[in-house]
Amino acid sequence: MLDYIEGKLVKQEPNFAIIDVGGFGVKLNISLFTFNKIKDKNNQNVRLYTHIVLKDDAIELFGFHDVVERQAYMLLNRVPGIGSKAAISILSLMDVAQLKTSILTEDVNALVKVPGIGKKTAQKIILELKDRIKDLPVRSDELSYNAIFEAKEVLASLGFNSIEIQLALDNASINANDSVEEIIKSALKKLSK
């Protein structure tokens, strides 16, 4: 199995990255989370952890910022009815820690915010992964997810869509001790630009 690809990042969009590996341009499908981690690394060396999906008519290569995101993708991909694209969509709208929290707290509402994920599918994800995802290692220095979830709810009620909200939160200056109000203010500064 191809575990990772390392090379010069020559192009990236919110859903793919192209890495030059020894003169070959390798295109990888990526999540918005991975995009935000590599977006400022043009013409620099990056390493993306990989997963290959073989189809009858195509070979798709997926790239992930870290092995934990890849593990989360693999877990999602094992849920019946959740394919590669749906798994990437989920990881584009919530990071691994948020996904883990959503599943462990059985927060169906967080999962149905992902385009293409209905209530039944969200319940299926929770049922299938509740016992498996608890062992997924998430960094201990992550922000308070309850505060992030609350901030997302407020921003959504103000009319912002989930992609705008996630991008704003990813680019906002947020500290681990910030309150919901401070997180919202930081996100609104990014959303108003």
N, C-alpha and C. Protein backbone atom coordinates (compact mmCIF):
# COMPACT_ATOMS: atom_id res chain seq x y z
N MET A 1 0.84 -1.19 0.00
CA MET A 1 0.00 0.00 0.00
C MET A 1 0.88 1.24 0.00
N LEU A 2 0.42 2.26 -0.68
CA LEU A 2 1.10 3.55 -0.71
C LEU A 2 0.70 4.30 0.55
N ASP A 3 1.63 4.47 1.48
CA ASP A 3 1.30 5.06 2.78
C ASP A 3 1.23 6.58 2.74
N TYR A 4 2.17 7.21 2.04
CA TYR A 4 2.15 8.67 1.92
C TYR A 4 2.86 9.09 0.65
N ILE A 5 2.61 10.33 0.27
CA ILE A 5 3.31 10.94 -0.86
C ILE A 5 3.95 12.23 -0.34
N GLU A 6 5.21 12.40 -0.67
CA GLU A 6 5.92 13.62 -0.25
C GLU A 6 6.56 14.23 -1.48
N GLY A 7 6.38 15.52 -1.62
CA GLY A 7 6.95 16.23 -2.76
C GLY A 7 6.54 17.69 -2.72
N LYS A 8 6.85 18.40 -3.81
CA LYS A 8 6.57 19.82 -3.87
C LYS A 8 5.11 20.05 -4.24
N LEU A 9 4.43 20.85 -3.44
CA LEU A 9 3.04 21.19 -3.69
C LEU A 9 3.00 22.21 -4.83
N VAL A 10 2.44 21.83 -5.97
CA VAL A 10 2.42 22.73 -7.12
C VAL A 10 1.06 23.39 -7.34
N LYS A 11 0.00 22.78 -6.84
CA LYS A 11 -1.33 23.38 -6.96
C LYS A 11 -2.25 22.78 -5.91
N GLN A 12 -3.14 23.62 -5.39
CA GLN A 12 -4.15 23.12 -4.48
C GLN A 12 -5.43 23.92 -4.63
N GLU A 13 -6.52 23.22 -4.53
CA GLU A 13 -7.87 23.77 -4.53
C GLU A 13 -8.55 23.19 -3.29
N PRO A 14 -9.73 23.72 -2.91
CA PRO A 14 -10.36 23.16 -1.71
C PRO A 14 -10.65 21.66 -1.76
N ASN A 15 -10.67 21.05 -2.95
CA ASN A 15 -10.99 19.62 -3.02
C ASN A 15 -9.87 18.75 -3.61
N PHE A 16 -8.76 19.35 -4.04
CA PHE A 16 -7.65 18.53 -4.54
C PHE A 16 -6.32 19.25 -4.39
N ALA A 17 -5.26 18.45 -4.45
CA ALA A 17 -3.89 18.99 -4.42
C ALA A 17 -3.08 18.22 -5.45
N ILE A 18 -2.13 18.91 -6.07
CA ILE A 18 -1.20 18.26 -7.00
C ILE A 18 0.20 18.40 -6.41
N ILE A 19 0.85 17.25 -6.26
CA ILE A 19 2.20 17.21 -5.69
C ILE A 19 3.15 16.68 -6.75
N ASP A 20 4.24 17.40 -6.96
CA ASP A 20 5.28 16.97 -7.89
C ASP A 20 6.20 15.99 -7.15
N VAL A 21 6.18 14.74 -7.61
CA VAL A 21 7.02 13.70 -7.02
C VAL A 21 7.95 13.20 -8.11
N GLY A 22 9.18 13.67 -8.10
CA GLY A 22 10.16 13.24 -9.08
C GLY A 22 9.76 13.52 -10.52
N GLY A 23 9.11 14.64 -10.75
CA GLY A 23 8.72 15.02 -12.10
C GLY A 23 7.34 14.53 -12.51
N PHE A 24 6.66 13.79 -11.62
CA PHE A 24 5.30 13.34 -11.89
C PHE A 24 4.33 14.17 -11.04
N GLY A 25 3.30 14.70 -11.65
CA GLY A 25 2.27 15.44 -10.92
C GLY A 25 1.21 14.48 -10.42
N VAL A 26 1.16 14.27 -9.12
CA VAL A 26 0.20 13.35 -8.52
C VAL A 26 -0.96 14.16 -7.96
N LYS A 27 -2.16 13.87 -8.47
CA LYS A 27 -3.36 14.57 -8.01
C LYS A 27 -4.07 13.75 -6.94
N LEU A 28 -4.34 14.40 -5.81
CA LEU A 28 -5.00 13.73 -4.69
C LEU A 28 -6.27 14.49 -4.33
N ASN A 29 -7.35 13.76 -4.10
CA ASN A 29 -8.57 14.35 -3.55
C ASN A 29 -8.31 14.63 -2.08
N ILE A 30 -8.71 15.81 -1.61
CA ILE A 30 -8.46 16.18 -0.22
C ILE A 30 -9.71 16.78 0.41
N SER A 31 -9.71 16.83 1.73
CA SER A 31 -10.79 17.48 2.47
C SER A 31 -10.45 18.96 2.62
N LEU A 32 -11.44 19.72 3.01
CA LEU A 32 -11.23 21.15 3.27
C LEU A 32 -10.28 21.34 4.45
N PHE A 33 -10.32 20.41 5.41
CA PHE A 33 -9.40 20.44 6.55
C PHE A 33 -7.95 20.36 6.06
N THR A 34 -7.67 19.39 5.19
CA THR A 34 -6.32 19.23 4.65
C THR A 34 -5.94 20.45 3.82
N PHE A 35 -6.87 20.94 3.01
CA PHE A 35 -6.60 22.14 2.21
C PHE A 35 -6.15 23.30 3.10
N ASN A 36 -6.86 23.52 4.21
CA ASN A 36 -6.51 24.62 5.10
C ASN A 36 -5.14 24.44 5.74
N LYS A 37 -4.72 23.19 5.92
CA LYS A 37 -3.40 22.93 6.50
C LYS A 37 -2.26 23.16 5.49
N ILE A 38 -2.55 23.01 4.18
CA ILE A 38 -1.46 23.11 3.19
C ILE A 38 -1.57 24.33 2.28
N LYS A 39 -2.63 25.12 2.42
CA LYS A 39 -2.90 26.18 1.45
C LYS A 39 -1.78 27.22 1.33
N ASP A 40 -0.99 27.41 2.36
CA ASP A 40 0.09 28.40 2.32
C ASP A 40 1.45 27.76 2.00
N LYS A 41 1.45 26.55 1.50
CA LYS A 41 2.73 25.84 1.28
C LYS A 41 3.03 25.62 -0.19
N ASN A 42 2.55 26.52 -1.05
CA ASN A 42 2.84 26.40 -2.48
C ASN A 42 4.34 26.36 -2.72
N ASN A 43 4.77 25.45 -3.60
CA ASN A 43 6.17 25.26 -3.96
C ASN A 43 7.05 24.83 -2.78
N GLN A 44 6.43 24.30 -1.74
CA GLN A 44 7.16 23.74 -0.60
C GLN A 44 6.89 22.24 -0.55
N ASN A 45 7.78 21.53 0.12
CA ASN A 45 7.57 20.10 0.30
C ASN A 45 6.46 19.86 1.31
N VAL A 46 5.55 18.96 0.97
CA VAL A 46 4.49 18.54 1.88
C VAL A 46 4.40 17.02 1.85
N ARG A 47 3.83 16.48 2.89
CA ARG A 47 3.58 15.04 2.96
C ARG A 47 2.09 14.86 3.21
N LEU A 48 1.45 14.07 2.35
CA LEU A 48 0.05 13.71 2.54
C LEU A 48 -0.05 12.19 2.67
N TYR A 49 -0.77 11.75 3.68
CA TYR A 49 -1.00 10.32 3.88
C TYR A 49 -2.11 9.90 2.93
N THR A 50 -1.98 8.73 2.35
CA THR A 50 -2.82 8.39 1.21
C THR A 50 -3.73 7.18 1.44
N HIS A 51 -4.74 7.15 0.58
CA HIS A 51 -5.61 5.98 0.47
C HIS A 51 -6.02 5.89 -1.00
N ILE A 52 -5.92 4.68 -1.56
CA ILE A 52 -6.26 4.47 -2.97
C ILE A 52 -7.61 3.76 -3.04
N VAL A 53 -8.49 4.27 -3.91
CA VAL A 53 -9.78 3.64 -4.15
C VAL A 53 -9.78 3.14 -5.59
N LEU A 54 -9.92 1.83 -5.75
CA LEU A 54 -9.96 1.22 -7.08
C LEU A 54 -11.41 1.02 -7.49
N LYS A 55 -11.77 1.57 -8.65
CA LYS A 55 -13.11 1.41 -9.20
C LYS A 55 -12.99 0.71 -10.55
N ASP A 56 -14.12 0.27 -11.08
CA ASP A 56 -14.10 -0.40 -12.38
C ASP A 56 -13.52 0.49 -13.47
N ASP A 57 -13.83 1.79 -13.40
CA ASP A 57 -13.44 2.69 -14.48
C ASP A 57 -12.42 3.75 -14.06
N ALA A 58 -11.95 3.71 -12.82
CA ALA A 58 -11.01 4.76 -12.38
C ALA A 58 -10.24 4.32 -11.14
N ILE A 59 -9.14 5.02 -10.93
CA ILE A 59 -8.38 4.88 -9.69
C ILE A 59 -8.36 6.27 -9.07
N GLU A 60 -8.82 6.35 -7.81
CA GLU A 60 -8.83 7.63 -7.12
C GLU A 60 -7.83 7.58 -5.97
N LEU A 61 -7.10 8.67 -5.81
CA LEU A 61 -6.12 8.78 -4.75
C LEU A 61 -6.56 9.89 -3.81
N PHE A 62 -6.64 9.58 -2.54
CA PHE A 62 -7.05 10.55 -1.53
C PHE A 62 -5.85 10.87 -0.65
N GLY A 63 -5.72 12.15 -0.27
CA GLY A 63 -4.62 12.59 0.57
C GLY A 63 -5.13 13.23 1.84
N PHE A 64 -4.41 13.01 2.94
CA PHE A 64 -4.83 13.49 4.24
C PHE A 64 -3.66 14.15 4.95
N HIS A 65 -3.96 15.21 5.69
CA HIS A 65 -2.92 15.95 6.39
C HIS A 65 -2.20 15.09 7.42
N ASP A 66 -2.94 14.23 8.10
CA ASP A 66 -2.30 13.37 9.10
C ASP A 66 -2.97 11.99 9.10
N VAL A 67 -2.37 11.06 9.82
CA VAL A 67 -2.87 9.69 9.83
C VAL A 67 -4.20 9.57 10.56
N VAL A 68 -4.46 10.46 11.49
CA VAL A 68 -5.73 10.41 12.23
C VAL A 68 -6.89 10.76 11.30
N GLU A 69 -6.69 11.77 10.45
CA GLU A 69 -7.74 12.11 9.49
C GLU A 69 -7.96 10.93 8.53
N ARG A 70 -6.88 10.28 8.12
CA ARG A 70 -7.03 9.12 7.24
C ARG A 70 -7.79 7.99 7.95
N GLN A 71 -7.50 7.77 9.23
CA GLN A 71 -8.21 6.74 9.98
C GLN A 71 -9.70 7.05 10.06
N ALA A 72 -10.03 8.32 10.29
CA ALA A 72 -11.44 8.72 10.35
C ALA A 72 -12.12 8.49 9.00
N TYR A 73 -11.42 8.83 7.94
CA TYR A 73 -11.94 8.59 6.58
C TYR A 73 -12.22 7.10 6.37
N MET A 74 -11.27 6.26 6.76
CA MET A 74 -11.42 4.82 6.58
C MET A 74 -12.62 4.29 7.38
N LEU A 75 -12.82 4.79 8.59
CA LEU A 75 -13.97 4.38 9.38
C LEU A 75 -15.27 4.79 8.70
N LEU A 76 -15.33 6.04 8.23
CA LEU A 76 -16.53 6.53 7.55
C LEU A 76 -16.80 5.72 6.29
N ASN A 77 -15.75 5.40 5.58
CA ASN A 77 -15.87 4.69 4.30
C ASN A 77 -16.41 3.27 4.50
N ARG A 78 -16.29 2.72 5.69
CA ARG A 78 -16.78 1.37 5.97
C ARG A 78 -18.28 1.35 6.29
N VAL A 79 -18.86 2.51 6.54
CA VAL A 79 -20.29 2.58 6.84
C VAL A 79 -21.06 2.35 5.54
N PRO A 80 -21.99 1.37 5.52
CA PRO A 80 -22.76 1.14 4.30
C PRO A 80 -23.47 2.40 3.84
N GLY A 81 -23.32 2.72 2.55
CA GLY A 81 -23.96 3.90 2.00
C GLY A 81 -23.10 5.14 2.04
N ILE A 82 -21.96 5.08 2.73
CA ILE A 82 -21.04 6.22 2.78
C ILE A 82 -19.86 5.89 1.87
N GLY A 83 -19.79 6.56 0.76
CA GLY A 83 -18.69 6.34 -0.16
C GLY A 83 -17.54 7.30 0.10
N SER A 84 -16.57 7.26 -0.78
CA SER A 84 -15.38 8.10 -0.65
C SER A 84 -15.72 9.58 -0.64
N LYS A 85 -16.60 10.00 -1.54
CA LYS A 85 -16.93 11.42 -1.65
C LYS A 85 -17.70 11.91 -0.42
N ALA A 86 -18.62 11.10 0.08
CA ALA A 86 -19.37 11.48 1.29
C ALA A 86 -18.43 11.57 2.50
N ALA A 87 -17.49 10.63 2.60
CA ALA A 87 -16.54 10.65 3.71
C ALA A 87 -15.69 11.91 3.68
N ILE A 88 -15.24 12.30 2.46
CA ILE A 88 -14.45 13.53 2.32
C ILE A 88 -15.31 14.75 2.64
N SER A 89 -16.57 14.74 2.23
CA SER A 89 -17.48 15.86 2.54
C SER A 89 -17.64 16.04 4.04
N ILE A 90 -17.80 14.92 4.74
CA ILE A 90 -17.95 14.99 6.20
C ILE A 90 -16.69 15.58 6.82
N LEU A 91 -15.52 15.10 6.38
CA LEU A 91 -14.26 15.60 6.94
C LEU A 91 -13.93 17.01 6.47
N SER A 92 -14.63 17.50 5.45
CA SER A 92 -14.44 18.88 5.02
C SER A 92 -15.22 19.86 5.90
N LEU A 93 -16.30 19.38 6.49
CA LEU A 93 -17.14 20.27 7.29
C LEU A 93 -16.92 20.12 8.78
N MET A 94 -16.23 19.09 9.19
CA MET A 94 -15.88 18.94 10.61
C MET A 94 -14.54 18.21 10.71
N ASP A 95 -13.72 18.67 11.63
CA ASP A 95 -12.45 17.98 11.79
C ASP A 95 -12.68 16.67 12.54
N VAL A 96 -11.64 15.89 12.71
CA VAL A 96 -11.77 14.56 13.30
C VAL A 96 -12.31 14.64 14.72
N ALA A 97 -11.84 15.60 15.49
CA ALA A 97 -12.31 15.73 16.88
C ALA A 97 -13.80 16.06 16.91
N GLN A 98 -14.24 16.93 16.02
CA GLN A 98 -15.67 17.27 15.97
C GLN A 98 -16.50 16.07 15.54
N LEU A 99 -15.99 15.31 14.57
CA LEU A 99 -16.68 14.10 14.13
C LEU A 99 -16.79 13.11 15.28
N LYS A 100 -15.70 12.91 15.98
CA LYS A 100 -15.69 11.98 17.11
C LYS A 100 -16.70 12.42 18.17
N THR A 101 -16.69 13.70 18.49
CA THR A 101 -17.62 14.23 19.49
C THR A 101 -19.07 14.06 19.02
N SER A 102 -19.32 14.36 17.75
CA SER A 102 -20.69 14.22 17.20
C SER A 102 -21.19 12.79 17.32
N ILE A 103 -20.32 11.84 17.01
CA ILE A 103 -20.73 10.44 17.06
C ILE A 103 -20.90 9.97 18.50
N LEU A 104 -19.96 10.30 19.37
CA LEU A 104 -20.04 9.84 20.76
C LEU A 104 -21.20 10.47 21.52
N THR A 105 -21.57 11.70 21.16
CA THR A 105 -22.71 12.36 21.82
C THR A 105 -24.01 12.13 21.06
N GLU A 106 -23.93 11.33 19.98
CA GLU A 106 -25.09 11.01 19.14
C GLU A 106 -25.78 12.28 18.63
N ASP A 107 -24.97 13.23 18.19
CA ASP A 107 -25.47 14.51 17.69
C ASP A 107 -25.82 14.39 16.20
N VAL A 108 -27.02 13.92 15.92
CA VAL A 108 -27.49 13.75 14.55
C VAL A 108 -27.50 15.09 13.82
N ASN A 109 -27.88 16.16 14.53
CA ASN A 109 -27.99 17.49 13.90
C ASN A 109 -26.67 17.98 13.32
N ALA A 110 -25.56 17.65 13.97
CA ALA A 110 -24.25 18.06 13.45
C ALA A 110 -23.95 17.35 12.13
N LEU A 111 -24.31 16.06 12.05
CA LEU A 111 -24.01 15.28 10.85
C LEU A 111 -24.92 15.62 9.68
N VAL A 112 -26.18 15.96 9.94
CA VAL A 112 -27.09 16.26 8.82
C VAL A 112 -26.78 17.59 8.16
N LYS A 113 -25.90 18.36 8.74
CA LYS A 113 -25.49 19.62 8.12
C LYS A 113 -24.57 19.39 6.91
N VAL A 114 -24.04 18.18 6.81
CA VAL A 114 -23.20 17.84 5.66
C VAL A 114 -24.12 17.58 4.47
N PRO A 115 -23.88 18.26 3.34
CA PRO A 115 -24.72 18.03 2.16
C PRO A 115 -24.74 16.55 1.77
N GLY A 116 -25.95 16.02 1.54
CA GLY A 116 -26.10 14.63 1.14
C GLY A 116 -26.27 13.66 2.30
N ILE A 117 -26.13 14.14 3.54
CA ILE A 117 -26.29 13.28 4.71
C ILE A 117 -27.64 13.62 5.36
N GLY A 118 -28.56 12.68 5.27
CA GLY A 118 -29.88 12.84 5.90
C GLY A 118 -29.89 12.27 7.30
N LYS A 119 -31.06 12.36 7.94
CA LYS A 119 -31.18 11.90 9.31
C LYS A 119 -30.90 10.40 9.44
N LYS A 120 -31.43 9.59 8.53
CA LYS A 120 -31.22 8.14 8.60
C LYS A 120 -29.76 7.77 8.41
N THR A 121 -29.10 8.46 7.47
CA THR A 121 -27.68 8.19 7.23
C THR A 121 -26.85 8.61 8.44
N ALA A 122 -27.19 9.76 9.03
CA ALA A 122 -26.48 10.23 10.23
C ALA A 122 -26.64 9.22 11.37
N GLN A 123 -27.85 8.70 11.54
CA GLN A 123 -28.08 7.70 12.58
C GLN A 123 -27.30 6.42 12.30
N LYS A 124 -27.20 6.06 11.03
CA LYS A 124 -26.43 4.87 10.65
C LYS A 124 -24.95 5.07 10.96
N ILE A 125 -24.42 6.26 10.67
CA ILE A 125 -23.01 6.57 10.97
C ILE A 125 -22.77 6.44 12.47
N ILE A 126 -23.65 7.00 13.26
CA ILE A 126 -23.51 6.95 14.72
C ILE A 126 -23.56 5.50 15.20
N LEU A 127 -24.54 4.74 14.73
CA LEU A 127 -24.69 3.35 15.14
C LEU A 127 -23.48 2.51 14.77
N GLU A 128 -22.99 2.68 13.53
CA GLU A 128 -21.87 1.88 13.04
C GLU A 128 -20.53 2.24 13.71
N LEU A 129 -20.35 3.53 14.05
CA LEU A 129 -19.02 3.98 14.48
C LEU A 129 -18.88 4.29 15.96
N LYS A 130 -19.97 4.28 16.70
CA LYS A 130 -19.89 4.69 18.10
C LYS A 130 -18.85 3.90 18.89
N ASP A 131 -18.80 2.59 18.68
CA ASP A 131 -17.82 1.77 19.42
C ASP A 131 -16.42 1.84 18.81
N ARG A 132 -16.34 2.10 17.51
CA ARG A 132 -15.04 2.09 16.83
C ARG A 132 -14.30 3.42 16.93
N ILE A 133 -15.04 4.53 16.97
CA ILE A 133 -14.38 5.84 16.89
C ILE A 133 -13.82 6.29 18.23
N LYS A 134 -14.29 5.68 19.32
CA LYS A 134 -13.83 6.15 20.64
C LYS A 134 -12.33 5.97 20.83
N ASP A 135 -11.73 5.02 20.12
CA ASP A 135 -10.28 4.79 20.24
C ASP A 135 -9.46 5.63 19.27
N LEU A 136 -10.14 6.42 18.44
CA LEU A 136 -9.42 7.25 17.48
C LEU A 136 -8.67 8.34 18.23
N PRO A 137 -7.35 8.40 18.11
CA PRO A 137 -6.58 9.39 18.87
C PRO A 137 -6.80 10.80 18.31
N VAL A 138 -7.14 11.70 19.20
CA VAL A 138 -7.30 13.10 18.83
C VAL A 138 -6.38 13.88 19.73
N ARG A 139 -5.69 14.85 19.13
CA ARG A 139 -4.72 15.64 19.91
C ARG A 139 -5.39 16.28 21.12
N SER A 140 -4.69 16.28 22.23
CA SER A 140 -5.25 16.84 23.46
C SER A 140 -5.23 18.36 23.48
N ASP A 141 -4.51 18.99 22.56
CA ASP A 141 -4.46 20.44 22.56
C ASP A 141 -5.55 21.06 21.68
N GLU A 142 -6.51 20.24 21.23
CA GLU A 142 -7.59 20.77 20.40
C GLU A 142 -8.46 21.70 21.23
N LEU A 143 -9.19 22.57 20.54
CA LEU A 143 -10.08 23.51 21.21
C LEU A 143 -11.26 22.80 21.84
N SER A 144 -11.97 23.53 22.67
CA SER A 144 -13.19 23.02 23.27
C SER A 144 -14.24 22.84 22.19
N TYR A 145 -14.59 21.59 21.92
CA TYR A 145 -15.49 21.31 20.79
C TYR A 145 -16.91 21.77 21.06
N ASN A 146 -17.33 21.74 22.32
CA ASN A 146 -18.67 22.24 22.63
C ASN A 146 -18.77 23.72 22.30
N ALA A 147 -17.74 24.48 22.61
CA ALA A 147 -17.74 25.91 22.30
C ALA A 147 -17.76 26.13 20.79
N ILE A 148 -16.99 25.33 20.06
CA ILE A 148 -16.97 25.44 18.60
C ILE A 148 -18.34 25.10 18.02
N PHE A 149 -18.95 24.02 18.53
CA PHE A 149 -20.28 23.62 18.04
C PHE A 149 -21.30 24.73 18.30
N GLU A 150 -21.26 25.30 19.50
CA GLU A 150 -22.20 26.38 19.82
C GLU A 150 -21.97 27.58 18.91
N ALA A 151 -20.72 27.92 18.69
CA ALA A 151 -20.40 29.06 17.81
C ALA A 151 -20.90 28.79 16.39
N LYS A 152 -20.72 27.55 15.91
CA LYS A 152 -21.21 27.19 14.57
C LYS A 152 -22.73 27.34 14.48
N GLU A 153 -23.44 26.92 15.54
CA GLU A 153 -24.90 27.02 15.56
C GLU A 153 -25.34 28.48 15.45
N VAL A 154 -24.68 29.34 16.23
CA VAL A 154 -25.04 30.76 16.21
C VAL A 154 -24.75 31.36 14.84
N LEU A 155 -23.59 31.05 14.27
CA LEU A 155 -23.23 31.60 12.96
C LEU A 155 -24.18 31.09 11.87
N ALA A 156 -24.61 29.84 11.98
CA ALA A 156 -25.57 29.30 11.02
C ALA A 156 -26.91 30.01 11.15
N SER A 157 -27.31 30.32 12.39
CA SER A 157 -28.58 31.03 12.59
C SER A 157 -28.53 32.45 12.05
N LEU A 158 -27.31 32.98 11.88
CA LEU A 158 -27.14 34.32 11.29
C LEU A 158 -27.16 34.27 9.76
N GLY A 159 -27.27 33.07 9.20
CA GLY A 159 -27.41 32.94 7.75
C GLY A 159 -26.16 32.52 6.99
N PHE A 160 -25.08 32.23 7.70
CA PHE A 160 -23.86 31.78 7.02
C PHE A 160 -23.97 30.28 6.75
N ASN A 161 -23.42 29.83 5.61
CA ASN A 161 -23.47 28.39 5.32
C ASN A 161 -22.29 27.70 6.00
N SER A 162 -22.37 26.37 6.08
CA SER A 162 -21.39 25.60 6.85
C SER A 162 -19.97 25.72 6.32
N ILE A 163 -19.82 25.85 5.01
CA ILE A 163 -18.47 25.98 4.44
C ILE A 163 -17.86 27.32 4.81
N GLU A 164 -18.66 28.41 4.71
CA GLU A 164 -18.17 29.74 5.12
C GLU A 164 -17.76 29.73 6.59
N ILE A 165 -18.59 29.11 7.40
CA ILE A 165 -18.33 29.06 8.84
C ILE A 165 -17.03 28.30 9.13
N GLN A 166 -16.87 27.13 8.50
CA GLN A 166 -15.67 26.33 8.75
C GLN A 166 -14.41 27.07 8.31
N LEU A 167 -14.47 27.71 7.14
CA LEU A 167 -13.31 28.47 6.66
C LEU A 167 -12.98 29.62 7.61
N ALA A 168 -14.01 30.32 8.08
CA ALA A 168 -13.79 31.43 9.01
C ALA A 168 -13.18 30.94 10.31
N LEU A 169 -13.68 29.84 10.83
CA LEU A 169 -13.14 29.31 12.09
C LEU A 169 -11.72 28.80 11.92
N ASP A 170 -11.44 28.19 10.78
CA ASP A 170 -10.08 27.70 10.52
C ASP A 170 -9.07 28.84 10.43
N ASN A 171 -9.52 30.00 9.96
CA ASN A 171 -8.62 31.13 9.77
C ASN A 171 -8.67 32.16 10.89
N ALA A 172 -9.59 31.99 11.83
CA ALA A 172 -9.72 32.94 12.93
C ALA A 172 -8.66 32.67 13.99
N SER A 173 -8.38 33.71 14.77
CA SER A 173 -7.43 33.58 15.88
C SER A 173 -8.22 33.11 17.10
N ILE A 174 -8.21 31.80 17.32
CA ILE A 174 -8.97 31.21 18.42
C ILE A 174 -8.01 30.48 19.33
N ASN A 175 -8.18 30.69 20.63
CA ASN A 175 -7.36 30.02 21.63
C ASN A 175 -8.18 28.97 22.35
N ALA A 176 -7.52 28.03 22.98
CA ALA A 176 -8.20 26.92 23.66
C ALA A 176 -9.11 27.40 24.78
N ASN A 177 -8.82 28.54 25.37
CA ASN A 177 -9.63 29.02 26.50
C ASN A 177 -10.71 30.01 26.08
N ASP A 178 -10.87 30.26 24.78
CA ASP A 178 -11.86 31.25 24.32
C ASP A 178 -13.28 30.79 24.61
N SER A 179 -14.12 31.77 24.97
CA SER A 179 -15.53 31.48 25.18
C SER A 179 -16.24 31.42 23.83
N VAL A 180 -17.49 30.99 23.85
CA VAL A 180 -18.29 30.93 22.63
C VAL A 180 -18.37 32.31 22.00
N GLU A 181 -18.58 33.33 22.82
CA GLU A 181 -18.70 34.70 22.33
C GLU A 181 -17.41 35.16 21.64
N GLU A 182 -16.27 34.83 22.23
CA GLU A 182 -14.98 35.21 21.63
C GLU A 182 -14.75 34.48 20.31
N ILE A 183 -15.15 33.23 20.25
CA ILE A 183 -15.00 32.46 19.01
C ILE A 183 -15.88 33.06 17.92
N ILE A 184 -17.11 33.43 18.28
CA ILE A 184 -18.04 34.03 17.31
C ILE A 184 -17.48 35.36 16.81
N LYS A 185 -16.98 36.19 17.72
CA LYS A 185 -16.40 37.50 17.30
C LYS A 185 -15.24 37.30 16.34
N SER A 186 -14.36 36.35 16.64
CA SER A 186 -13.21 36.09 15.75
C SER A 186 -13.67 35.60 14.40
N ALA A 187 -14.66 34.72 14.36
CA ALA A 187 -15.18 34.20 13.10
C ALA A 187 -15.87 35.30 12.31
N LEU A 188 -16.63 36.15 12.98
CA LEU A 188 -17.34 37.24 12.29
C LEU A 188 -16.36 38.22 11.64
N LYS A 189 -15.22 38.43 12.28
CA LYS A 189 -14.20 39.30 11.67
C LYS A 189 -13.75 38.73 10.33
N LYS A 190 -13.56 37.41 10.27
CA LYS A 190 -13.15 36.75 9.03
C LYS A 190 -14.30 36.74 8.02
N LEU A 191 -15.51 36.54 8.49
CA LEU A 191 -16.66 36.48 7.58
C LEU A 191 -17.02 37.83 6.98
N SER A 192 -16.64 38.90 7.68
CA SER A 192 -16.99 40.24 7.18
C SER A 192 -16.01 40.75 6.15
N LYS A 193 -14.89 40.04 5.93
CA LYS A 193 -13.89 40.50 4.97
C LYS A 193 -14.25 40.07 3.57
